[in-house]
Structures are given as structure tokens and as C-alpha cells.
Amino acid sequence: MLYWSRHHRRGRAYSRARERDRGEPVVRGVLSQQREEVIRLVRVELRDSESFDSLLRRFTKEVQKSGLLRDYRSKRRFVSKSEQRRAKARKAEHKRRRKLAKMAQQ
């Protein structure tokens, strides 16, 4: 068997190839069945006697409210589960400290 990198042997393709060589069934498309993608579009229609600048301003505001850019930027790179947990804990600690500071001011 040929591998295209030394680390490839440990990956999913290697285990599937081993299953196929043993005659076991290879299951594909499980992730695509579990995960549903929802396409969200932002639509802004031109009003009567509206300038392009105000239309563009309304569009950017709608995109900001919908959270599309935030989602795309967060999905630019892979974040492991443990890293997500650490970020969640950091965010909770930050929120707790802000709440304590706000209570101390009052």
C-alpha cells in the first residue's frame, strides 16, 4: 500500500483502506447526514428615491445583525472541542468579573 505522507497512515483514509482490504463495508457520508447546512441570505431592496450609499449602509447593518460574517470568520480555521471549552470558560470568567466590577461600582 502506498501513502502520500508519513502521517496519512493514521488518518481516516488509511482506516477505510484497511477495512476495504479486509472486505468490511466502508461507511461514507455519515457526517453529511448528521449535519444540516442552513443557507441564510440577507436581502435589502432599493426604496424609492434612495441613494446607493444609504442602501449599502442598510445592507451592512442587516449583515451585522444576522451574524453571517461572525460565523464565517469563526469557521475559517478548525477549533478543537477542548479549545472550545477553554474559550467558553475564559468567556464565562470574563463575564463574571465584569458583573462583579459592575456590582462594586453600585
PDB file of N, CA and C in Angstrom:
ATOM      1  N   MET A   1       0.841  -1.170   0.000  1.00  0.00           N
ATOM      2  CA  MET A   1       0.000   0.000   0.000  1.00  0.00           C
ATOM      3  C   MET A   1       0.889   1.237   0.000  1.00  0.00           C
ATOM      4  N   LEU A   2       0.480   2.258  -0.764  1.00  0.00           N
ATOM      5  CA  LEU A   2       1.242   3.494  -0.829  1.00  0.00           C
ATOM      6  C   LEU A   2       0.533   4.576  -0.042  1.00  0.00           C
ATOM      7  N   TYR A   3       1.310   5.391   0.640  1.00  0.00           N
ATOM      8  CA  TYR A   3       0.761   6.504   1.405  1.00  0.00           C
ATOM      9  C   TYR A   3       1.349   7.792   0.866  1.00  0.00           C
ATOM     10  N   TRP A   4       0.552   8.829   0.811  1.00  0.00           N
ATOM     11  CA  TRP A   4       1.058  10.085   0.260  1.00  0.00           C
ATOM     12  C   TRP A   4       1.721  10.961   1.292  1.00  0.00           C
ATOM     13  N   SER A   5       1.714  10.572   2.558  1.00  0.00           N
ATOM     14  CA  SER A   5       2.535  11.227   3.576  1.00  0.00           C
ATOM     15  C   SER A   5       2.744  10.246   4.709  1.00  0.00           C
ATOM     16  N   ARG A   6       3.739  10.518   5.532  1.00  0.00           N
ATOM     17  CA  ARG A   6       4.009   9.572   6.614  1.00  0.00           C
ATOM     18  C   ARG A   6       2.920   9.609   7.667  1.00  0.00           C
ATOM     19  N   HIS A   7       2.177  10.741   7.780  1.00  0.00           N
ATOM     20  CA  HIS A   7       1.110  10.842   8.760  1.00  0.00           C
ATOM     21  C   HIS A   7      -0.219  10.331   8.204  1.00  0.00           C
ATOM     22  N   HIS A   8      -0.273  10.119   6.925  1.00  0.00           N
ATOM     23  CA  HIS A   8      -1.520   9.706   6.291  1.00  0.00           C
ATOM     24  C   HIS A   8      -1.979   8.330   6.787  1.00  0.00           C
ATOM     25  N   ARG A   9      -1.041   7.506   7.197  1.00  0.00           N
ATOM     26  CA  ARG A   9      -1.383   6.164   7.657  1.00  0.00           C
ATOM     27  C   ARG A   9      -2.300   6.188   8.872  1.00  0.00           C
ATOM     28  N   ARG A  10      -2.206   7.264   9.657  1.00  0.00           N
ATOM     29  CA  ARG A  10      -3.000   7.343  10.880  1.00  0.00           C
ATOM     30  C   ARG A  10      -4.373   7.953  10.641  1.00  0.00           C
ATOM     31  N   GLY A  11      -4.630   8.444   9.440  1.00  0.00           N
ATOM     32  CA  GLY A  11      -5.860   9.167   9.164  1.00  0.00           C
ATOM     33  C   GLY A  11      -7.027   8.282   8.805  1.00  0.00           C
ATOM     34  N   ARG A  12      -8.146   8.930   8.490  1.00  0.00           N
ATOM     35  CA  ARG A  12      -9.384   8.247   8.167  1.00  0.00           C
ATOM     36  C   ARG A  12      -9.257   7.433   6.889  1.00  0.00           C
ATOM     37  N   ALA A  13      -8.527   7.963   5.901  1.00  0.00           N
ATOM     38  CA  ALA A  13      -8.405   7.261   4.628  1.00  0.00           C
ATOM     39  C   ALA A  13      -7.670   5.935   4.814  1.00  0.00           C
ATOM     40  N   TYR A  14      -6.685   5.913   5.704  1.00  0.00           N
ATOM     41  CA  TYR A  14      -5.941   4.680   5.947  1.00  0.00           C
ATOM     42  C   TYR A  14      -6.839   3.618   6.555  1.00  0.00           C
ATOM     43  N   SER A  15      -7.658   4.018   7.546  1.00  0.00           N
ATOM     44  CA  SER A  15      -8.518   3.024   8.188  1.00  0.00           C
ATOM     45  C   SER A  15      -9.573   2.519   7.209  1.00  0.00           C
ATOM     46  N   ARG A  16     -10.074   3.393   6.350  1.00  0.00           N
ATOM     47  CA  ARG A  16     -11.037   2.937   5.339  1.00  0.00           C
ATOM     48  C   ARG A  16     -10.394   1.975   4.359  1.00  0.00           C
ATOM     49  N   ALA A  17      -9.145   2.278   3.984  1.00  0.00           N
ATOM     50  CA  ALA A  17      -8.453   1.384   3.056  1.00  0.00           C
ATOM     51  C   ALA A  17      -8.228   0.020   3.706  1.00  0.00           C
ATOM     52  N   ARG A  18      -7.891   0.008   4.999  1.00  0.00           N
ATOM     53  CA  ARG A  18      -7.698  -1.263   5.696  1.00  0.00           C
ATOM     54  C   ARG A  18      -9.009  -2.038   5.777  1.00  0.00           C
ATOM     55  N   GLU A  19     -10.118  -1.339   6.040  1.00  0.00           N
ATOM     56  CA  GLU A  19     -11.419  -2.010   6.086  1.00  0.00           C
ATOM     57  C   GLU A  19     -11.769  -2.599   4.729  1.00  0.00           C
ATOM     58  N   ARG A  20     -11.473  -1.832   3.682  1.00  0.00           N
ATOM     59  CA  ARG A  20     -11.795  -2.293   2.336  1.00  0.00           C
ATOM     60  C   ARG A  20     -10.964  -3.534   1.988  1.00  0.00           C
ATOM     61  N   ASP A  21      -9.672  -3.530   2.413  1.00  0.00           N
ATOM     62  CA  ASP A  21      -8.812  -4.679   2.136  1.00  0.00           C
ATOM     63  C   ASP A  21      -9.275  -5.923   2.881  1.00  0.00           C
ATOM     64  N   ARG A  22      -9.871  -5.723   4.073  1.00  0.00           N
ATOM     65  CA  ARG A  22     -10.361  -6.857   4.856  1.00  0.00           C
ATOM     66  C   ARG A  22     -11.733  -7.323   4.379  1.00  0.00           C
ATOM     67  N   GLY A  23     -12.349  -6.567   3.479  1.00  0.00           N
ATOM     68  CA  GLY A  23     -13.659  -6.943   2.988  1.00  0.00           C
ATOM     69  C   GLY A  23     -14.797  -6.408   3.830  1.00  0.00           C
ATOM     70  N   GLU A  24     -14.484  -5.517   4.789  1.00  0.00           N
ATOM     71  CA  GLU A  24     -15.531  -4.941   5.620  1.00  0.00           C
ATOM     72  C   GLU A  24     -16.198  -3.781   4.880  1.00  0.00           C
ATOM     73  N   PRO A  25     -17.448  -3.515   5.171  1.00  0.00           N
ATOM     74  CA  PRO A  25     -18.116  -2.407   4.488  1.00  0.00           C
ATOM     75  C   PRO A  25     -17.547  -1.063   4.937  1.00  0.00           C
ATOM     76  N   VAL A  26     -17.412  -0.159   3.995  1.00  0.00           N
ATOM     77  CA  VAL A  26     -16.897   1.172   4.277  1.00  0.00           C
ATOM     78  C   VAL A  26     -18.086   2.131   4.304  1.00  0.00           C
ATOM     79  N   VAL A  27     -18.267   2.824   5.424  1.00  0.00           N
ATOM     80  CA  VAL A  27     -19.394   3.740   5.579  1.00  0.00           C
ATOM     81  C   VAL A  27     -18.923   5.135   5.241  1.00  0.00           C
ATOM     82  N   ARG A  28     -19.626   5.770   4.317  1.00  0.00           N
ATOM     83  CA  ARG A  28     -19.281   7.131   3.931  1.00  0.00           C
ATOM     84  C   ARG A  28     -20.501   8.008   4.058  1.00  0.00           C
ATOM     85  N   GLY A  29     -20.270   9.286   4.197  1.00  0.00           N
ATOM     86  CA  GLY A  29     -21.360  10.253   4.200  1.00  0.00           C
ATOM     87  C   GLY A  29     -22.109  10.348   5.513  1.00  0.00           C
ATOM     88  N   VAL A  30     -21.538   9.849   6.592  1.00  0.00           N
ATOM     89  CA  VAL A  30     -22.217   9.915   7.886  1.00  0.00           C
ATOM     90  C   VAL A  30     -22.274  11.358   8.369  1.00  0.00           C
ATOM     91  N   LEU A  31     -21.185  12.077   8.200  1.00  0.00           N
ATOM     92  CA  LEU A  31     -21.152  13.464   8.646  1.00  0.00           C
ATOM     93  C   LEU A  31     -22.148  14.330   7.890  1.00  0.00           C
ATOM     94  N   SER A  32     -22.260  14.089   6.589  1.00  0.00           N
ATOM     95  CA  SER A  32     -23.183  14.910   5.810  1.00  0.00           C
ATOM     96  C   SER A  32     -24.632  14.613   6.178  1.00  0.00           C
ATOM     97  N   GLN A  33     -24.906  13.401   6.657  1.00  0.00           N
ATOM     98  CA  GLN A  33     -26.269  13.079   7.073  1.00  0.00           C
ATOM     99  C   GLN A  33     -26.583  13.700   8.427  1.00  0.00           C
ATOM    100  N   GLN A  34     -25.589  13.789   9.305  1.00  0.00           N
ATOM    101  CA  GLN A  34     -25.816  14.329  10.640  1.00  0.00           C
ATOM    102  C   GLN A  34     -25.905  15.843  10.643  1.00  0.00           C
ATOM    103  N   ARG A  35     -25.137  16.502   9.794  1.00  0.00           N
ATOM    104  CA  ARG A  35     -25.032  17.954   9.822  1.00  0.00           C
ATOM    105  C   ARG A  35     -25.886  18.568   8.719  1.00  0.00           C
ATOM    106  N   GLU A  36     -26.757  19.470   9.103  1.00  0.00           N
ATOM    107  CA  GLU A  36     -27.589  20.159   8.123  1.00  0.00           C
ATOM    108  C   GLU A  36     -27.094  21.575   7.980  1.00  0.00           C
ATOM    109  N   GLU A  37     -26.866  21.997   6.755  1.00  0.00           N
ATOM    110  CA  GLU A  37     -26.424  23.357   6.492  1.00  0.00           C
ATOM    111  C   GLU A  37     -27.635  24.199   6.170  1.00  0.00           C
ATOM    112  N   VAL A  38     -27.719  25.357   6.777  1.00  0.00           N
ATOM    113  CA  VAL A  38     -28.804  26.284   6.508  1.00  0.00           C
ATOM    114  C   VAL A  38     -28.215  27.486   5.810  1.00  0.00           C
ATOM    115  N   ILE A  39     -28.730  27.792   4.645  1.00  0.00           N
ATOM    116  CA  ILE A  39     -28.240  28.933   3.886  1.00  0.00           C
ATOM    117  C   ILE A  39     -29.052  30.148   4.274  1.00  0.00           C
ATOM    118  N   ARG A  40     -28.369  31.139   4.830  1.00  0.00           N
ATOM    119  CA  ARG A  40     -29.037  32.368   5.236  1.00  0.00           C
ATOM    120  C   ARG A  40     -28.608  33.478   4.288  1.00  0.00           C
ATOM    121  N   LEU A  41     -29.570  34.155   3.739  1.00  0.00           N
ATOM    122  CA  LEU A  41     -29.281  35.262   2.841  1.00  0.00           C
ATOM    123  C   LEU A  41     -29.807  36.551   3.438  1.00  0.00           C
ATOM    124  N   VAL A  42     -29.094  37.628   3.150  1.00  0.00           N
ATOM    125  CA  VAL A  42     -29.541  38.947   3.570  1.00  0.00           C
ATOM    126  C   VAL A  42     -30.017  39.654   2.315  1.00  0.00           C
ATOM    127  N   ARG A  43     -31.248  40.118   2.366  1.00  0.00           N
ATOM    128  CA  ARG A  43     -31.816  40.762   1.188  1.00  0.00           C
ATOM    129  C   ARG A  43     -32.296  42.159   1.565  1.00  0.00           C
ATOM    130  N   VAL A  44     -31.857  43.139   0.797  1.00  0.00           N
ATOM    131  CA  VAL A  44     -32.253  44.526   1.008  1.00  0.00           C
ATOM    132  C   VAL A  44     -32.725  45.072  -0.330  1.00  0.00           C
ATOM    133  N   GLU A  45     -33.938  45.576  -0.350  1.00  0.00           N
ATOM    134  CA  GLU A  45     -34.485  46.112  -1.594  1.00  0.00           C
ATOM    135  C   GLU A  45     -34.366  47.624  -1.620  1.00  0.00           C
ATOM    136  N   LEU A  46     -34.140  48.141  -2.807  1.00  0.00           N
ATOM    137  CA  LEU A  46     -33.977  49.578  -3.007  1.00  0.00           C
ATOM    138  C   LEU A  46     -35.314  50.286  -2.825  1.00  0.00           C
ATOM    139  N   ARG A  47     -35.329  51.284  -1.957  1.00  0.00           N
ATOM    140  CA  ARG A  47     -36.542  52.060  -1.733  1.00  0.00           C
ATOM    141  C   ARG A  47     -36.629  53.172  -2.761  1.00  0.00           C
ATOM    142  N   ASP A  48     -37.805  53.775  -2.857  1.00  0.00           N
ATOM    143  CA  ASP A  48     -37.981  54.885  -3.794  1.00  0.00           C
ATOM    144  C   ASP A  48     -37.090  56.052  -3.388  1.00  0.00           C
ATOM    145  N   SER A  49     -36.430  56.635  -4.355  1.00  0.00           N
ATOM    146  CA  SER A  49     -35.521  57.786  -4.195  1.00  0.00           C
ATOM    147  C   SER A  49     -34.514  57.565  -3.067  1.00  0.00           C
ATOM    148  N   GLU A  50     -33.920  56.355  -3.023  1.00  0.00           N
ATOM    149  CA  GLU A  50     -32.896  56.049  -2.031  1.00  0.00           C
ATOM    150  C   GLU A  50     -31.538  56.005  -2.716  1.00  0.00           C
ATOM    151  N   SER A  51     -30.552  56.604  -2.109  1.00  0.00           N
ATOM    152  CA  SER A  51     -29.217  56.611  -2.697  1.00  0.00           C
ATOM    153  C   SER A  51     -28.539  55.261  -2.477  1.00  0.00           C
ATOM    154  N   PHE A  52     -27.499  55.035  -3.260  1.00  0.00           N
ATOM    155  CA  PHE A  52     -26.758  53.782  -3.138  1.00  0.00           C
ATOM    156  C   PHE A  52     -26.055  53.702  -1.788  1.00  0.00           C
ATOM    157  N   ASP A  53     -25.571  54.844  -1.301  1.00  0.00           N
ATOM    158  CA  ASP A  53     -24.878  54.862  -0.012  1.00  0.00           C
ATOM    159  C   ASP A  53     -25.785  54.404   1.132  1.00  0.00           C
ATOM    160  N   SER A  54     -27.022  54.913   1.145  1.00  0.00           N
ATOM    161  CA  SER A  54     -27.928  54.504   2.218  1.00  0.00           C
ATOM    162  C   SER A  54     -28.342  53.041   2.062  1.00  0.00           C
ATOM    163  N   LEU A  55     -28.479  52.580   0.821  1.00  0.00           N
ATOM    164  CA  LEU A  55     -28.785  51.169   0.580  1.00  0.00           C
ATOM    165  C   LEU A  55     -27.645  50.286   1.096  1.00  0.00           C
ATOM    166  N   LEU A  56     -26.416  50.686   0.795  1.00  0.00           N
ATOM    167  CA  LEU A  56     -25.249  49.937   1.252  1.00  0.00           C
ATOM    168  C   LEU A  56     -25.161  49.954   2.778  1.00  0.00           C
ATOM    169  N   ARG A  57     -25.473  51.093   3.397  1.00  0.00           N
ATOM    170  CA  ARG A  57     -25.465  51.203   4.849  1.00  0.00           C
ATOM    171  C   ARG A  57     -26.500  50.262   5.469  1.00  0.00           C
ATOM    172  N   ARG A  58     -27.702  50.221   4.894  1.00  0.00           N
ATOM    173  CA  ARG A  58     -28.738  49.315   5.396  1.00  0.00           C
ATOM    174  C   ARG A  58     -28.322  47.862   5.234  1.00  0.00           C
ATOM    175  N   PHE A  59     -27.683  47.555   4.098  1.00  0.00           N
ATOM    176  CA  PHE A  59     -27.238  46.189   3.839  1.00  0.00           C
ATOM    177  C   PHE A  59     -26.193  45.755   4.866  1.00  0.00           C
ATOM    178  N   THR A  60     -25.199  46.599   5.112  1.00  0.00           N
ATOM    179  CA  THR A  60     -24.162  46.231   6.078  1.00  0.00           C
ATOM    180  C   THR A  60     -24.744  46.073   7.480  1.00  0.00           C
ATOM    181  N   LYS A  61     -25.741  46.888   7.812  1.00  0.00           N
ATOM    182  CA  LYS A  61     -26.377  46.779   9.121  1.00  0.00           C
ATOM    183  C   LYS A  61     -27.125  45.446   9.242  1.00  0.00           C
ATOM    184  N   GLU A  62     -27.815  45.035   8.165  1.00  0.00           N
ATOM    185  CA  GLU A  62     -28.531  43.757   8.172  1.00  0.00           C
ATOM    186  C   GLU A  62     -27.567  42.575   8.274  1.00  0.00           C
ATOM    187  N   VAL A  63     -26.444  42.668   7.559  1.00  0.00           N
ATOM    188  CA  VAL A  63     -25.438  41.603   7.629  1.00  0.00           C
ATOM    189  C   VAL A  63     -24.886  41.512   9.039  1.00  0.00           C
ATOM    190  N   GLN A  64     -24.650  42.664   9.654  1.00  0.00           N
ATOM    191  CA  GLN A  64     -24.143  42.690  11.029  1.00  0.00           C
ATOM    192  C   GLN A  64     -25.137  42.059  11.993  1.00  0.00           C
ATOM    193  N   LYS A  65     -26.427  42.395  11.833  1.00  0.00           N
ATOM    194  CA  LYS A  65     -27.458  41.849  12.726  1.00  0.00           C
ATOM    195  C   LYS A  65     -27.630  40.343  12.544  1.00  0.00           C
ATOM    196  N   SER A  66     -27.498  39.873  11.306  1.00  0.00           N
ATOM    197  CA  SER A  66     -27.716  38.446  11.054  1.00  0.00           C
ATOM    198  C   SER A  66     -26.582  37.583  11.599  1.00  0.00           C
ATOM    199  N   GLY A  67     -25.380  38.146  11.749  1.00  0.00           N
ATOM    200  CA  GLY A  67     -24.250  37.392  12.282  1.00  0.00           C
ATOM    201  C   GLY A  67     -23.572  36.496  11.263  1.00  0.00           C
ATOM    202  N   LEU A  68     -23.812  36.737   9.979  1.00  0.00           N
ATOM    203  CA  LEU A  68     -23.206  35.914   8.937  1.00  0.00           C
ATOM    204  C   LEU A  68     -21.684  36.005   8.941  1.00  0.00           C
ATOM    205  N   LEU A  69     -21.165  37.225   8.976  1.00  0.00           N
ATOM    206  CA  LEU A  69     -19.714  37.397   8.920  1.00  0.00           C
ATOM    207  C   LEU A  69     -19.043  36.796  10.144  1.00  0.00           C
ATOM    208  N   ARG A  70     -19.666  36.919  11.294  1.00  0.00           N
ATOM    209  CA  ARG A  70     -19.111  36.347  12.519  1.00  0.00           C
ATOM    210  C   ARG A  70     -18.988  34.831  12.375  1.00  0.00           C
ATOM    211  N   ASP A  71     -20.026  34.205  11.818  1.00  0.00           N
ATOM    212  CA  ASP A  71     -19.989  32.754  11.624  1.00  0.00           C
ATOM    213  C   ASP A  71     -18.899  32.347  10.646  1.00  0.00           C
ATOM    214  N   TYR A  72     -18.809  33.045   9.517  1.00  0.00           N
ATOM    215  CA  TYR A  72     -17.798  32.699   8.524  1.00  0.00           C
ATOM    216  C   TYR A  72     -16.393  32.887   9.071  1.00  0.00           C
ATOM    217  N   ARG A  73     -16.189  33.969   9.823  1.00  0.00           N
ATOM    218  CA  ARG A  73     -14.856  34.213  10.379  1.00  0.00           C
ATOM    219  C   ARG A  73     -14.499  33.174  11.430  1.00  0.00           C
ATOM    220  N   SER A  74     -15.481  32.731  12.199  1.00  0.00           N
ATOM    221  CA  SER A  74     -15.191  31.722  13.217  1.00  0.00           C
ATOM    222  C   SER A  74     -14.897  30.361  12.588  1.00  0.00           C
ATOM    223  N   LYS A  75     -15.402  30.132  11.400  1.00  0.00           N
ATOM    224  CA  LYS A  75     -15.192  28.836  10.740  1.00  0.00           C
ATOM    225  C   LYS A  75     -14.004  28.845   9.788  1.00  0.00           C
ATOM    226  N   ARG A  76     -13.209  29.905   9.815  1.00  0.00           N
ATOM    227  CA  ARG A  76     -12.038  29.963   8.953  1.00  0.00           C
ATOM    228  C   ARG A  76     -11.034  28.874   9.285  1.00  0.00           C
ATOM    229  N   ARG A  77     -10.920  28.550  10.562  1.00  0.00           N
ATOM    230  CA  ARG A  77      -9.960  27.526  10.967  1.00  0.00           C
ATOM    231  C   ARG A  77     -10.646  26.545  11.906  1.00  0.00           C
ATOM    232  N   PHE A  78     -10.067  25.377  12.013  1.00  0.00           N
ATOM    233  CA  PHE A  78     -10.617  24.332  12.857  1.00  0.00           C
ATOM    234  C   PHE A  78     -10.302  24.643  14.310  1.00  0.00           C
ATOM    235  N   VAL A  79     -11.296  24.519  15.170  1.00  0.00           N
ATOM    236  CA  VAL A  79     -11.114  24.696  16.610  1.00  0.00           C
ATOM    237  C   VAL A  79     -11.560  23.412  17.287  1.00  0.00           C
ATOM    238  N   SER A  80     -10.642  22.799  18.016  1.00  0.00           N
ATOM    239  CA  SER A  80     -10.951  21.516  18.655  1.00  0.00           C
ATOM    240  C   SER A  80     -11.945  21.718  19.793  1.00  0.00           C
ATOM    241  N   LYS A  81     -12.522  20.612  20.238  1.00  0.00           N
ATOM    242  CA  LYS A  81     -13.506  20.660  21.321  1.00  0.00           C
ATOM    243  C   LYS A  81     -12.893  21.195  22.608  1.00  0.00           C
ATOM    244  N   SER A  82     -11.672  20.761  22.910  1.00  0.00           N
ATOM    245  CA  SER A  82     -11.029  21.227  24.141  1.00  0.00           C
ATOM    246  C   SER A  82     -10.745  22.721  24.066  1.00  0.00           C
ATOM    247  N   GLU A  83     -10.370  23.201  22.885  1.00  0.00           N
ATOM    248  CA  GLU A  83     -10.131  24.627  22.715  1.00  0.00           C
ATOM    249  C   GLU A  83     -11.432  25.415  22.852  1.00  0.00           C
ATOM    250  N   GLN A  84     -12.527  24.853  22.353  1.00  0.00           N
ATOM    251  CA  GLN A  84     -13.840  25.500  22.503  1.00  0.00           C
ATOM    252  C   GLN A  84     -14.228  25.578  23.975  1.00  0.00           C
ATOM    253  N   ARG A  85     -13.963  24.502  24.723  1.00  0.00           N
ATOM    254  CA  ARG A  85     -14.271  24.511  26.154  1.00  0.00           C
ATOM    255  C   ARG A  85     -13.448  25.554  26.900  1.00  0.00           C
ATOM    256  N   ARG A  86     -12.155  25.651  26.565  1.00  0.00           N
ATOM    257  CA  ARG A  86     -11.305  26.651  27.218  1.00  0.00           C
ATOM    258  C   ARG A  86     -11.776  28.063  26.908  1.00  0.00           C
ATOM    259  N   ALA A  87     -12.157  28.317  25.663  1.00  0.00           N
ATOM    260  CA  ALA A  87     -12.647  29.647  25.280  1.00  0.00           C
ATOM    261  C   ALA A  87     -13.950  29.971  26.000  1.00  0.00           C
ATOM    262  N   LYS A  88     -14.811  28.969  26.132  1.00  0.00           N
ATOM    263  CA  LYS A  88     -16.085  29.163  26.828  1.00  0.00           C
ATOM    264  C   LYS A  88     -15.843  29.493  28.298  1.00  0.00           C
ATOM    265  N   ALA A  89     -14.885  28.786  28.910  1.00  0.00           N
ATOM    266  CA  ALA A  89     -14.560  29.052  30.313  1.00  0.00           C
ATOM    267  C   ALA A  89     -13.963  30.442  30.486  1.00  0.00           C
ATOM    268  N   ARG A  90     -13.078  30.841  29.547  1.00  0.00           N
ATOM    269  CA  ARG A  90     -12.498  32.190  29.595  1.00  0.00           C
ATOM    270  C   ARG A  90     -13.574  33.252  29.478  1.00  0.00           C
ATOM    271  N   LYS A  91     -14.514  33.029  28.569  1.00  0.00           N
ATOM    272  CA  LYS A  91     -15.602  33.990  28.360  1.00  0.00           C
ATOM    273  C   LYS A  91     -16.483  34.091  29.601  1.00  0.00           C
ATOM    274  N   ALA A  92     -16.770  32.953  30.233  1.00  0.00           N
ATOM    275  CA  ALA A  92     -17.593  32.950  31.443  1.00  0.00           C
ATOM    276  C   ALA A  92     -16.888  33.675  32.588  1.00  0.00           C
ATOM    277  N   GLU A  93     -15.579  33.463  32.710  1.00  0.00           N
ATOM    278  CA  GLU A  93     -14.804  34.142  33.754  1.00  0.00           C
ATOM    279  C   GLU A  93     -14.780  35.654  33.519  1.00  0.00           C
ATOM    280  N   HIS A  94     -14.605  36.046  32.277  1.00  0.00           N
ATOM    281  CA  HIS A  94     -14.614  37.472  31.925  1.00  0.00           C
ATOM    282  C   HIS A  94     -15.970  38.101  32.249  1.00  0.00           C
ATOM    283  N   LYS A  95     -17.024  37.392  31.915  1.00  0.00           N
ATOM    284  CA  LYS A  95     -18.374  37.882  32.183  1.00  0.00           C
ATOM    285  C   LYS A  95     -18.614  38.003  33.691  1.00  0.00           C
ATOM    286  N   ARG A  96     -18.127  37.016  34.445  1.00  0.00           N
ATOM    287  CA  ARG A  96     -18.290  37.043  35.898  1.00  0.00           C
ATOM    288  C   ARG A  96     -17.557  38.227  36.517  1.00  0.00           C
ATOM    289  N   ARG A  97     -16.330  38.480  36.039  1.00  0.00           N
ATOM    290  CA  ARG A  97     -15.551  39.606  36.562  1.00  0.00           C
ATOM    291  C   ARG A  97     -16.189  40.948  36.225  1.00  0.00           C
ATOM    292  N   ARG A  98     -16.725  41.050  35.028  1.00  0.00           N
ATOM    293  CA  ARG A  98     -17.406  42.298  34.639  1.00  0.00           C
ATOM    294  C   ARG A  98     -18.626  42.540  35.517  1.00  0.00           C
ATOM    295  N   LYS A  99     -19.349  41.463  35.809  1.00  0.00           N
ATOM    296  CA  LYS A  99     -20.531  41.577  36.650  1.00  0.00           C
ATOM    297  C   LYS A  99     -20.152  42.004  38.067  1.00  0.00           C
ATOM    298  N   LEU A 100     -19.073  41.412  38.601  1.00  0.00           N
ATOM    299  CA  LEU A 100     -18.589  41.792  39.927  1.00  0.00           C
ATOM    300  C   LEU A 100     -18.133  43.249  39.963  1.00  0.00           C
ATOM    301  N   ALA A 101     -17.439  43.687  38.905  1.00  0.00           N
ATOM    302  CA  ALA A 101     -16.968  45.060  38.854  1.00  0.00           C
ATOM    303  C   ALA A 101     -18.155  46.030  38.779  1.00  0.00           C
ATOM    304  N   LYS A 102     -19.166  45.655  38.039  1.00  0.00           N
ATOM    305  CA  LYS A 102     -20.354  46.498  37.924  1.00  0.00           C
ATOM    306  C   LYS A 102     -21.086  46.593  39.262  1.00  0.00           C
ATOM    307  N   MET A 103     -21.164  45.478  39.995  1.00  0.00           N
ATOM    308  CA  MET A 103     -21.811  45.471  41.301  1.00  0.00           C
ATOM    309  C   MET A 103     -20.999  46.282  42.314  1.00  0.00           C
ATOM    310  N   ALA A 104     -19.672  46.265  42.190  1.00  0.00           N
ATOM    311  CA  ALA A 104     -18.820  47.016  43.110  1.00  0.00           C
ATOM    312  C   ALA A 104     -18.980  48.522  42.891  1.00  0.00           C
ATOM    313  N   GLN A 105     -19.254  48.940  41.664  1.00  0.00           N
ATOM    314  CA  GLN A 105     -19.440  50.369  41.375  1.00  0.00           C
ATOM    315  C   GLN A 105     -20.727  50.884  41.975  1.00  0.00           C
ATOM    316  N   GLN A 106     -21.740  50.053  42.060  1.00  0.00           N
ATOM    317  CA  GLN A 106     -23.035  50.498  42.571  1.00  0.00           C
ATOM    318  C   GLN A 106     -23.031  50.524  44.023  1.00  0.00           C
TER     319      GLN A 106
END
